[in-house]
Amino acid sequence: MEIKNINPFLPAEWQKKAEASTEPAAAGHFGNLLKKALNHVNELQLKAEAAAIDLALGEVEDVHQAMIAMEQAKLAMELTVQVRNKIVDAYQEIMRMQI
């Protein structure tokens, strides 16, 4: 299967990856993307937890950076929960479809 010029607004390296991908590899791609995103959210949570502990112990030089780390973790978690909710809603909608 050959894919040419998927979207002129996509970066060139993304288009090259899309051209090189095959259907079986694409099935694993979503899982890998989801795993990377969840790992990133986990890293943000761990970073925020460490910043909160440092803040409680008085070891933080810049309070703003600690607050920014905690807010980033909060927003990432909220986004993750909303994406999960949309996926669950879509799954439930598919399961309600009659064949």
Protein backbone atom coordinates (compact mmCIF):
# COMPACT_ATOMS: atom_id res chain seq x y z
CA MET A 1 0.00 0.00 0.00
CA GLU A 2 1.46 3.32 -1.04
CA ILE A 3 0.65 6.59 0.72
CA LYS A 4 1.61 9.85 -0.91
CA ASN A 5 1.26 13.35 0.51
CA ILE A 6 -1.09 12.52 3.36
CA ASN A 7 -1.43 16.10 4.47
CA PRO A 8 0.65 19.03 3.25
CA PHE A 9 0.59 20.50 6.76
CA LEU A 10 2.26 17.49 8.41
CA PRO A 11 5.99 17.69 9.07
CA ALA A 12 8.11 15.81 6.56
CA GLU A 13 9.38 13.24 9.07
CA TRP A 14 5.78 12.29 9.97
CA GLN A 15 4.94 11.81 6.30
CA LYS A 16 8.03 9.62 5.86
CA LYS A 17 6.96 7.48 8.84
CA ALA A 18 3.44 7.17 7.42
CA GLU A 19 4.80 6.17 4.01
CA ALA A 20 7.07 3.54 5.60
CA SER A 21 4.40 2.08 7.88
CA THR A 22 2.36 -0.97 7.03
CA GLU A 23 -1.03 -1.99 8.38
CA PRO A 24 0.21 -4.57 10.94
CA ALA A 25 2.74 -2.06 12.29
CA ALA A 26 0.04 0.59 12.52
CA ALA A 27 -1.97 -1.63 14.89
CA GLY A 28 0.90 -1.62 17.39
CA HIS A 29 1.61 2.05 16.84
CA PHE A 30 -1.46 3.26 18.76
CA GLY A 31 -0.58 1.05 21.71
CA ASN A 32 2.97 2.37 21.77
CA LEU A 33 1.75 5.95 21.51
CA LEU A 34 -0.66 5.41 24.39
CA LYS A 35 2.04 3.77 26.49
CA LYS A 36 4.43 6.69 25.89
CA ALA A 37 1.76 9.22 26.81
CA LEU A 38 0.92 7.39 30.04
CA ASN A 39 4.61 7.12 30.92
CA HIS A 40 4.99 10.86 30.36
CA VAL A 41 2.02 11.60 32.64
CA ASN A 42 3.55 9.29 35.26
CA GLU A 43 6.88 11.14 35.02
CA LEU A 44 5.11 14.46 35.51
CA GLN A 45 3.30 13.05 38.56
CA LEU A 46 6.56 11.81 40.08
CA LYS A 47 8.25 15.15 39.40
CA ALA A 48 5.35 17.00 41.03
CA GLU A 49 5.44 14.68 44.04
CA ALA A 50 9.16 15.30 44.49
CA ALA A 51 8.60 19.06 44.17
CA ALA A 52 5.82 18.94 46.78
CA ILE A 53 8.05 17.02 49.20
CA ASP A 54 10.90 19.47 48.65
CA LEU A 55 8.49 22.35 49.16
CA ALA A 56 7.22 20.85 52.43
CA LEU A 57 10.78 20.32 53.67
CA GLY A 58 11.78 23.87 52.71
CA GLU A 59 14.43 22.69 50.27
CA VAL A 60 13.00 24.52 47.25
CA GLU A 61 14.90 27.52 45.95
CA ASP A 62 12.22 28.59 43.49
CA VAL A 63 8.64 28.10 44.64
CA HIS A 64 7.35 29.04 41.20
CA GLN A 65 9.04 26.06 39.55
CA ALA A 66 7.54 23.69 42.13
CA MET A 67 4.07 25.13 41.54
CA ILE A 68 4.52 24.90 37.77
CA ALA A 69 5.54 21.24 38.07
CA MET A 70 2.48 20.48 40.18
CA GLU A 71 0.15 22.32 37.80
CA GLN A 72 1.62 20.50 34.79
CA ALA A 73 1.01 17.17 36.50
CA LYS A 74 -2.54 18.18 37.39
CA LEU A 75 -3.38 19.26 33.84
CA ALA A 76 -1.79 16.15 32.33
CA MET A 77 -3.83 13.94 34.65
CA GLU A 78 -7.05 15.81 33.84
CA LEU A 79 -6.38 15.44 30.11
CA THR A 80 -5.65 11.73 30.55
CA VAL A 81 -8.90 11.20 32.44
CA GLN A 82 -10.89 13.08 29.78
CA VAL A 83 -9.31 11.07 26.96
CA ARG A 84 -10.08 7.86 28.85
CA ASN A 85 -13.68 8.98 29.32
CA LYS A 86 -14.03 9.68 25.58
CA ILE A 87 -12.57 6.28 24.72
CA VAL A 88 -14.96 4.53 27.11
CA ASP A 89 -17.91 6.49 25.68
CA ALA A 90 -16.90 5.54 22.14
CA TYR A 91 -16.55 1.88 23.14
CA GLN A 92 -19.96 1.90 24.78
CA GLU A 93 -21.50 3.52 21.71
CA ILE A 94 -19.98 0.86 19.48
CA MET A 95 -21.27 -1.87 21.76
CA ARG A 96 -24.81 -0.43 21.52
CA MET A 97 -24.78 -0.59 17.71
CA GLN A 98 -26.93 -3.28 16.20
CA ILE A 99 -25.45 -5.46 13.52
